């Protein structure tokens, strides 16, 4: 695929330097840890604000901590194309996740200005403040606000230190009471585009630098609590036991088997706690998490029903009680055909292949499914790593992604007669 001159805003080297500079802002020196609304996040937001303004955008930090930049079309009545991603990270993560999409968006705006391109739509860049959902219980709060699905009760959520989101926003310099002003009018939006590292091994395995997301999987999250009866490990006969851990272990294996027997279903138990556990005590209470995903909502719902039904059967067979907390569910998000076509045309212009693939991870893009068309461009990630200090995308691949996003924006403009 084609590469740019080293001084081009779309150069992978130029974009990488931005990622490296932003990585200086971390909560924990020696790691890439930038939690939402932390002092390091504020420093990063200020730097991104400078990027936006240097690209001749009208920019500010909104009431929920996201950095927003806007370049206007010649027509006041034009709709708006949003390019976005996030700048918060997981603890000890990498420098590419999220931030790559923001830096690529800036590069596109700079290239448009340098090349004297005028668009028939407004262009807005968004650097979301809370995608990861690490500091507070809920994720995607900032993109939810833009999409009109923010719930005021999220302001009362607390981090592990007892600080509410509202208090953190005020310390960040925001006025959270104005959260409703963040919402965009769906009728004013042309669409939403996001560039992100793949977070998986598909593109690398197929030697493809770029991929187009056809859909973001839907997911169901929750916990299962199994309550049996604690007892002495040496004095309680096996046939008289009501072992909560043994029951939970059978449930976990059944969850895995059910997913393995079905196409397009992924199921994970990532956390398990034996309450008041001890080596010489029969476990009386166990809690474990579940995470079930599919690109088809009907498939996911059927899998969840089967999993929970089987867990209840196991509980009855083993004489234990079960409590299922279905904490949250998020529908799958199908990408918009017209936006995918624009990305495909842009990739082919570079001599590449418009490879389409699913995203098994959630992204801010999925939040926009209810208010405007959305699509995503994936950039190849070495070993498929993400949320890891060693995550890496080459400068050639980064540059190819920036060029593809730039060309896709021009394709959309051409389709509108510009």
Protein backbone atom coordinates (compact mmCIF):
# COMPACT_ATOMS: atom_id res chain seq x y z
CA UNK A 1 0.00 0.00 0.00
CA UNK A 2 1.12 3.57 -0.59
CA UNK A 3 3.01 5.62 1.98
CA UNK A 4 3.23 9.38 2.49
CA UNK A 5 6.11 11.81 2.55
CA UNK A 6 7.69 12.04 5.99
CA UNK A 7 6.47 15.63 6.43
CA UNK A 8 2.86 14.83 5.49
CA UNK A 9 0.33 15.10 8.33
CA UNK A 10 -0.80 11.60 7.26
CA UNK A 11 2.67 10.12 7.76
CA UNK A 12 2.75 7.26 10.24
CA UNK A 13 5.94 8.73 11.71
CA UNK A 14 4.22 12.06 12.39
CA UNK A 15 1.23 10.36 14.00
CA UNK A 16 3.44 8.05 16.09
CA UNK A 17 5.29 11.05 17.52
CA UNK A 18 1.96 12.38 18.74
CA UNK A 19 1.14 9.07 20.40
CA UNK A 20 4.52 9.05 22.11
CA UNK A 21 4.12 12.61 23.34
CA UNK A 22 0.70 11.89 24.77
CA UNK A 23 2.08 8.80 26.52
CA UNK A 24 4.04 11.13 28.82
CA UNK A 25 0.77 11.80 30.62
CA UNK A 26 0.30 8.82 32.91
CA UNK A 27 -1.02 8.29 36.42
CA UNK A 28 1.69 5.72 37.17
CA UNK A 29 5.22 6.54 35.98
CA UNK A 30 6.75 3.73 33.94
CA UNK A 31 3.37 2.48 32.72
CA UNK A 32 0.68 3.71 30.34
CA UNK A 33 -2.05 4.25 32.91
CA UNK A 34 -4.41 7.13 32.24
CA UNK A 35 -7.72 6.64 33.97
CA UNK A 36 -10.74 8.73 33.11
CA UNK A 37 -10.78 12.21 34.69
CA UNK A 38 -7.44 11.75 36.44
CA UNK A 39 -4.76 14.48 36.55
CA UNK A 40 -2.89 12.66 33.78
CA UNK A 41 -6.05 12.59 31.70
CA UNK A 42 -6.51 16.34 32.19
CA UNK A 43 -2.93 16.94 30.99
CA UNK A 44 -3.56 14.73 27.96
CA UNK A 45 -6.85 16.48 27.22
CA UNK A 46 -5.10 19.85 27.29
CA UNK A 47 -2.52 18.58 24.81
CA UNK A 48 -5.22 17.21 22.51
CA UNK A 49 -7.01 20.55 22.81
CA UNK A 50 -3.82 22.18 21.53
CA UNK A 51 -3.70 19.71 18.62
CA UNK A 52 -7.25 20.59 17.63
CA UNK A 53 -6.67 24.33 17.82
CA UNK A 54 -3.39 24.10 15.90
CA UNK A 55 -5.39 22.37 13.15
CA UNK A 56 -7.57 25.50 12.93
CA UNK A 57 -10.52 23.88 14.68
CA UNK A 58 -12.84 25.54 17.17
CA UNK A 59 -12.16 23.38 20.21
CA UNK A 60 -13.11 22.99 23.86
CA UNK A 61 -13.51 20.44 26.64
CA UNK A 62 -17.18 19.58 27.07
CA UNK A 63 -19.11 19.16 30.38
CA UNK A 64 -18.26 15.44 30.55
CA UNK A 65 -14.53 15.86 29.88
CA UNK A 66 -14.32 15.03 26.18
CA UNK A 67 -12.23 17.20 23.88
CA UNK A 68 -14.25 18.46 20.93
CA UNK A 69 -13.01 20.16 17.76
CA UNK A 70 -15.02 21.44 14.84
CA UNK A 71 -14.27 22.74 11.37
CA UNK A 72 -17.23 24.26 9.59
CA UNK A 73 -18.51 23.75 6.08
CA UNK A 74 -19.35 26.72 3.89
CA UNK A 75 -23.01 25.83 4.38
CA UNK A 76 -24.48 26.46 7.81
CA UNK A 77 -27.21 23.91 7.09
CA UNK A 78 -24.74 21.13 6.34
CA UNK A 79 -24.73 17.97 8.40
CA UNK A 80 -21.78 16.85 10.52
CA UNK A 81 -19.39 13.94 10.10
CA UNK A 82 -17.88 12.91 13.44
CA UNK A 83 -14.47 11.26 13.71
CA UNK A 84 -13.81 10.02 17.22
CA UNK A 85 -12.13 7.72 19.69
CA UNK A 86 -10.93 7.92 23.31
CA UNK A 87 -7.82 8.94 25.26
CA UNK A 88 -8.40 7.13 28.56
CA UNK A 89 -6.55 3.82 29.04
CA UNK A 90 -6.64 0.67 31.10
CA UNK A 91 -4.02 0.28 33.84
CA UNK A 92 -0.63 -0.61 32.35
CA UNK A 93 -1.97 -0.53 28.81
CA UNK A 94 -0.45 0.62 25.54
CA UNK A 95 -0.07 3.91 23.70
CA UNK A 96 -2.13 3.03 20.60
CA UNK A 97 -5.54 1.93 21.89
CA UNK A 98 -8.01 4.76 21.41
CA UNK A 99 -5.43 7.50 20.99
CA UNK A 100 -4.55 6.29 17.48
CA UNK A 101 -8.05 7.20 16.33
CA UNK A 102 -7.83 10.70 17.79
CA UNK A 103 -4.37 11.41 16.35
CA UNK A 104 -5.44 10.05 12.95
CA UNK A 105 -8.47 12.35 12.98
CA UNK A 106 -6.22 15.35 13.63
CA UNK A 107 -3.96 14.26 10.77
CA UNK A 108 -6.92 14.15 8.40
CA UNK A 109 -8.02 17.67 9.33
CA UNK A 110 -4.46 18.97 8.91
CA UNK A 111 -4.20 17.31 5.49
CA UNK A 112 -7.51 18.81 4.39
CA UNK A 113 -6.28 22.27 5.39
CA UNK A 114 -2.88 21.80 3.75
CA UNK A 115 -4.44 20.58 0.52
CA UNK A 116 -7.08 23.33 0.46
CA UNK A 117 -10.00 20.88 0.56
CA UNK A 118 -13.43 22.24 1.41
CA UNK A 119 -16.11 19.79 2.49
CA UNK A 120 -19.89 19.88 1.96
CA UNK A 121 -20.32 18.84 5.60
CA UNK A 122 -19.04 20.00 8.96
CA UNK A 123 -16.26 17.85 10.42
CA UNK A 124 -16.05 17.24 14.15
CA UNK A 125 -13.33 15.46 16.12
CA UNK A 126 -14.14 13.92 19.50
CA UNK A 127 -11.61 12.62 22.03
CA UNK A 128 -13.86 10.82 24.47
CA UNK A 129 -13.06 10.92 28.18
CA UNK A 130 -14.45 7.56 29.31
CA UNK A 131 -14.51 4.56 27.03
CA UNK A 132 -12.70 1.93 29.07
CA UNK A 133 -14.99 1.96 32.10
CA UNK A 134 -12.09 1.28 34.46
CA UNK A 135 -12.39 4.02 37.05
CA UNK A 136 -16.18 4.01 37.32
CA UNK A 137 -18.56 1.04 36.94
CA UNK A 138 -20.06 2.17 33.62
CA UNK A 139 -18.23 2.59 30.33
CA UNK A 140 -18.89 4.77 27.26
CA UNK A 141 -20.36 7.53 29.42
CA UNK A 142 -18.97 10.35 27.27
CA UNK A 143 -20.07 8.93 23.92
CA UNK A 144 -23.45 8.04 25.45
CA UNK A 145 -23.91 11.70 26.28
CA UNK A 146 -23.20 12.73 22.68
CA UNK A 147 -25.62 10.07 21.43
CA UNK A 148 -28.34 11.10 23.87
CA UNK A 149 -28.31 7.91 25.97
CA UNK A 150 -26.55 9.26 29.06
CA UNK A 151 -28.38 8.70 32.36
CA UNK A 152 -27.94 11.34 35.05
CA UNK A 153 -27.52 8.61 37.67
CA UNK A 154 -24.10 7.89 36.13
CA UNK A 155 -22.90 11.09 37.78
CA UNK A 156 -23.42 9.40 41.15
CA UNK A 157 -21.29 6.36 40.35
CA UNK A 158 -18.23 6.08 42.61
CA UNK A 159 -14.66 4.96 42.02
CA UNK A 160 -12.81 2.72 44.48
CA UNK A 161 -11.87 5.77 46.56
CA UNK A 162 -15.50 6.83 46.96
CA UNK A 163 -15.21 9.77 44.55
CA UNK A 164 -18.31 10.23 42.41
CA UNK A 165 -18.13 10.87 38.69
CA UNK A 166 -19.71 14.28 39.37
CA UNK A 167 -16.97 15.18 41.84
CA UNK A 168 -14.27 13.96 39.47
CA UNK A 169 -15.71 16.04 36.62
CA UNK A 170 -15.70 19.16 38.78
CA UNK A 171 -12.08 18.51 39.78
CA UNK A 172 -11.34 18.05 36.07
CA UNK A 173 -12.65 21.58 35.47
CA UNK A 174 -16.03 20.68 34.00
CA UNK A 175 -19.60 21.64 34.89
CA UNK A 176 -21.38 18.26 34.95
CA UNK A 177 -24.75 19.92 35.52
CA UNK A 178 -24.60 20.81 31.81
CA UNK A 179 -24.32 17.18 30.67
CA UNK A 180 -27.48 17.40 28.57
CA UNK A 181 -25.89 20.06 26.34
CA UNK A 182 -23.46 17.46 25.01
CA UNK A 183 -26.19 15.65 23.08
CA UNK A 184 -26.12 15.97 19.28
CA UNK A 185 -29.24 16.25 17.17
CA UNK A 186 -29.52 13.05 15.09
CA UNK A 187 -30.91 15.00 12.13
CA UNK A 188 -27.72 17.06 12.04
CA UNK A 189 -25.39 14.07 11.72
CA UNK A 190 -24.02 12.56 8.54
CA UNK A 191 -22.24 9.71 10.32
CA UNK A 192 -19.51 8.56 12.68
CA UNK A 193 -16.11 7.09 11.76
CA UNK A 194 -13.49 5.63 14.09
CA UNK A 195 -9.97 4.32 13.52
CA UNK A 196 -8.66 1.78 16.04
CA UNK A 197 -6.03 -0.91 16.35
CA UNK A 198 -7.57 -4.29 15.64
CA UNK A 199 -7.21 -5.83 19.13
CA UNK A 200 -7.01 -9.24 17.50
CA UNK A 201 -4.80 -11.38 15.22
CA UNK A 202 -6.88 -11.59 12.02
CA UNK A 203 -5.21 -8.87 9.95
CA UNK A 204 -1.71 -9.95 10.93
CA UNK A 205 -2.48 -13.59 10.12
CA UNK A 206 -3.71 -12.56 6.67
CA UNK A 207 -0.91 -10.01 6.11
CA UNK A 208 -3.42 -7.17 5.71
CA UNK A 209 -2.58 -3.73 7.14
CA UNK A 210 -6.19 -2.52 7.28
CA UNK A 211 -9.64 -3.97 7.82
CA UNK A 212 -13.19 -2.64 7.79
CA UNK A 213 -15.45 -3.53 10.70
CA UNK A 214 -18.67 -5.08 9.43
CA UNK A 215 -20.24 -5.25 12.88
CA UNK A 216 -19.43 -4.78 16.55
CA UNK A 217 -20.64 -7.69 18.60
CA UNK A 218 -23.41 -7.34 21.14
CA UNK A 219 -22.67 -8.47 24.66
CA UNK A 220 -24.38 -9.61 27.84
CA UNK A 221 -22.57 -9.19 31.15
CA UNK A 222 -23.42 -10.27 34.65
CA UNK A 223 -22.65 -12.44 37.64
CA UNK A 224 -23.85 -15.74 39.03
CA UNK A 225 -23.86 -16.41 42.77
CA UNK A 226 -24.00 -20.02 43.92
CA UNK A 227 -24.88 -20.67 47.56
CA UNK A 228 -24.38 -24.08 49.07
CA UNK A 229 -23.46 -25.06 52.62
CA UNK A 230 -20.05 -24.63 54.16
CA UNK A 231 -18.69 -27.53 56.17
CA UNK A 232 -15.56 -29.19 57.47
CA UNK A 233 -13.44 -30.71 54.68
CA UNK A 234 -12.62 -33.77 56.79
CA UNK A 235 -15.86 -34.59 58.55
CA UNK A 236 -18.56 -34.03 55.91
CA UNK A 237 -19.14 -37.13 53.74
CA UNK A 238 -19.02 -36.48 49.98
CA UNK A 239 -22.63 -37.59 49.39
CA UNK A 240 -23.90 -35.10 51.99
CA UNK A 241 -22.12 -32.05 50.60
CA UNK A 242 -23.60 -28.98 48.94
CA UNK A 243 -20.34 -27.65 47.52
CA UNK A 244 -20.84 -24.25 45.91
CA UNK A 245 -17.48 -24.30 44.15
CA UNK A 246 -17.97 -27.74 42.62
CA UNK A 247 -21.36 -26.60 41.31
CA UNK A 248 -19.88 -23.36 39.98
CA UNK A 249 -17.06 -25.28 38.29
CA UNK A 250 -19.56 -27.44 36.45
CA UNK A 251 -21.48 -24.34 35.40
CA UNK A 252 -18.32 -22.66 34.08
CA UNK A 253 -17.48 -25.70 31.96
CA UNK A 254 -21.03 -25.81 30.61
CA UNK A 255 -20.78 -22.14 29.60
CA UNK A 256 -17.62 -22.95 27.66
CA UNK A 257 -19.17 -26.00 25.98
CA UNK A 258 -22.33 -24.14 24.94
CA UNK A 259 -20.24 -21.42 23.28
CA UNK A 260 -17.92 -23.92 21.58
CA UNK A 261 -20.90 -25.75 20.07
CA UNK A 262 -22.21 -22.60 18.37
CA UNK A 263 -20.93 -20.39 15.60
CA UNK A 264 -20.65 -16.68 16.33
CA UNK A 265 -20.79 -17.04 20.13
CA UNK A 266 -17.99 -16.18 22.55
CA UNK A 267 -18.43 -16.81 26.26
CA UNK A 268 -15.99 -16.06 29.05
CA UNK A 269 -15.89 -16.46 32.81
CA UNK A 270 -13.12 -14.05 33.76
CA UNK A 271 -13.57 -13.72 37.51
CA UNK A 272 -14.48 -16.20 40.24
CA UNK A 273 -14.54 -15.59 44.00
CA UNK A 274 -14.87 -18.14 46.77
CA UNK A 275 -16.39 -16.13 49.59
CA UNK A 276 -14.57 -16.72 52.90
CA UNK A 277 -12.67 -19.55 51.29
CA UNK A 278 -10.19 -21.71 53.20
CA UNK A 279 -8.29 -24.86 52.32
CA UNK A 280 -10.07 -27.03 54.87
CA UNK A 281 -13.61 -25.69 54.34
CA UNK A 282 -16.21 -26.84 51.81
CA UNK A 283 -17.05 -23.69 49.86
CA UNK A 284 -20.42 -22.31 50.86
CA UNK A 285 -20.69 -19.39 48.50
CA UNK A 286 -19.14 -18.62 45.10
CA UNK A 287 -19.64 -15.75 42.68
CA UNK A 288 -18.45 -15.77 39.08
CA UNK A 289 -18.79 -13.42 36.14
CA UNK A 290 -20.06 -14.16 32.66
CA UNK A 291 -19.46 -12.36 29.38
CA UNK A 292 -21.36 -13.58 26.30
CA UNK A 293 -20.92 -11.99 22.85
CA UNK A 294 -22.23 -12.41 19.32
CA UNK A 295 -22.61 -10.30 16.19
CA UNK A 296 -26.27 -11.40 16.05
CA UNK A 297 -28.49 -10.37 18.95
CA UNK A 298 -30.88 -13.27 18.49
CA UNK A 299 -27.99 -15.73 18.65
CA UNK A 300 -26.64 -14.10 21.81
CA UNK A 301 -30.03 -14.04 23.53
CA UNK A 302 -30.59 -17.74 22.74
CA UNK A 303 -27.13 -18.62 24.06
CA UNK A 304 -27.75 -16.70 27.29
CA UNK A 305 -31.09 -18.46 27.79
CA UNK A 306 -29.45 -21.86 27.27
CA UNK A 307 -26.53 -21.02 29.58
CA UNK A 308 -28.75 -19.78 32.40
CA UNK A 309 -31.13 -22.68 32.00
CA UNK A 310 -28.28 -25.16 32.29
CA UNK A 311 -26.84 -23.36 35.33
CA UNK A 312 -30.19 -23.62 37.08
CA UNK A 313 -30.38 -27.32 36.25
CA UNK A 314 -26.94 -27.89 37.74
CA UNK A 315 -27.92 -25.98 40.87
CA UNK A 316 -31.00 -28.14 41.31
CA UNK A 317 -29.06 -31.36 40.71
CA UNK A 318 -26.43 -30.40 43.28
CA UNK A 319 -28.80 -28.99 45.88
CA UNK A 320 -27.46 -25.45 45.85
CA UNK A 321 -29.17 -22.09 45.36
CA UNK A 322 -28.42 -19.83 42.44
CA UNK A 323 -28.88 -16.10 41.89
CA UNK A 324 -28.27 -14.65 38.43
CA UNK A 325 -27.59 -10.93 38.07
CA UNK A 326 -27.93 -9.89 34.42
CA UNK A 327 -26.04 -6.64 34.90
CA UNK A 328 -26.13 -5.25 31.39
CA UNK A 329 -26.71 -6.06 27.74
CA UNK A 330 -25.69 -4.10 24.69
CA UNK A 331 -27.04 -4.84 21.20
CA UNK A 332 -24.77 -5.60 18.28
CA UNK A 333 -23.99 -2.70 15.98
CA UNK A 334 -23.99 -3.30 12.23
CA UNK A 335 -21.78 -0.95 10.23
CA UNK A 336 -23.32 1.33 7.64
CA UNK A 337 -22.93 0.05 4.03
CA UNK A 338 -22.29 3.51 2.56
CA UNK A 339 -19.56 4.33 5.08
CA UNK A 340 -18.02 0.89 4.58
CA UNK A 341 -18.05 1.47 0.82
CA UNK A 342 -16.24 4.77 1.28
CA UNK A 343 -13.57 3.04 3.37
CA UNK A 344 -13.34 0.21 0.84
CA UNK A 345 -12.82 2.67 -2.03
CA UNK A 346 -10.14 4.45 -0.01
CA UNK A 347 -8.26 1.23 0.75
CA UNK A 348 -8.40 0.06 -2.87
CA UNK A 349 -7.04 3.43 -3.96
CA UNK A 350 -3.85 2.48 -2.12
CA UNK A 351 -3.78 -0.90 -3.82
CA UNK A 352 -5.05 -2.72 -0.75
CA UNK A 353 -7.78 -5.25 -0.09
CA UNK A 354 -10.98 -4.15 1.60
CA UNK A 355 -11.01 -6.97 4.17
CA UNK A 356 -14.14 -6.98 6.33
CA UNK A 357 -14.11 -8.43 9.85
CA UNK A 358 -16.02 -8.40 13.11
CA UNK A 359 -15.03 -6.46 16.20
CA UNK A 360 -15.26 -8.67 19.26
CA UNK A 361 -14.54 -5.68 21.50
CA UNK A 362 -16.85 -2.78 22.21
CA UNK A 363 -16.08 0.71 20.92
CA UNK A 364 -17.56 4.18 21.11
CA UNK A 365 -18.78 3.63 17.53
CA UNK A 366 -21.42 1.17 18.72
CA UNK A 367 -23.02 3.84 20.89
CA UNK A 368 -23.87 5.87 17.78
CA UNK A 369 -25.91 3.09 16.17
CA UNK A 370 -29.17 4.66 17.41
CA UNK A 371 -28.60 8.17 16.05
CA UNK A 372 -26.50 7.98 12.87
CA UNK A 373 -24.64 5.64 10.49
CA UNK A 374 -21.31 4.41 11.85
CA UNK A 375 -18.30 2.43 10.65
CA UNK A 376 -14.79 1.61 11.83
CA UNK A 377 -11.38 1.11 10.27
CA UNK A 378 -9.01 -1.34 11.95
CA UNK A 379 -5.22 -1.03 11.77
CA UNK A 380 -3.15 -4.20 12.09
CA UNK A 381 -1.80 -4.80 15.59
CA UNK A 382 1.30 -6.94 16.21
CA UNK A 383 0.36 -10.27 17.79
CA UNK A 384 -3.17 -8.90 18.12
CA UNK A 385 -2.18 -7.24 21.38
CA UNK A 386 -4.27 -4.55 23.02
CA UNK A 387 -4.63 -3.33 26.61
CA UNK A 388 -1.00 -4.36 26.96
CA UNK A 389 2.30 -2.43 27.19
CA UNK A 390 3.57 -4.23 24.07
CA UNK A 391 0.70 -3.28 21.76
CA UNK A 392 2.20 -2.03 18.50
CA UNK A 393 1.25 -0.94 15.00
CA UNK A 394 3.93 -0.09 12.44
CA UNK A 395 4.31 3.43 11.08
CA UNK A 396 3.55 2.08 7.59
CA UNK A 397 0.23 0.64 8.78
CA UNK A 398 -0.60 3.79 10.74
CA UNK A 399 0.11 5.89 7.67
CA UNK A 400 -2.02 3.61 5.51
CA UNK A 401 -4.88 3.97 7.98
CA UNK A 402 -4.59 7.77 8.02
CA UNK A 403 -4.52 7.90 4.22
CA UNK A 404 -7.56 5.61 4.03
CA UNK A 405 -9.53 7.77 6.47
CA UNK A 406 -8.56 10.93 4.54
CA UNK A 407 -9.57 9.40 1.22
CA UNK A 408 -12.81 8.06 2.69
CA UNK A 409 -13.75 11.58 3.82
CA UNK A 410 -13.12 12.81 0.27
CA UNK A 411 -15.19 9.95 -1.17
CA UNK A 412 -18.10 10.99 1.04
CA UNK A 413 -17.66 14.57 -0.14
CA UNK A 414 -17.61 13.46 -3.79
CA UNK A 415 -20.74 11.39 -3.26
CA UNK A 416 -22.46 14.57 -2.09
CA UNK A 417 -21.47 16.35 -5.28
CA UNK A 418 -18.53 18.30 -3.90
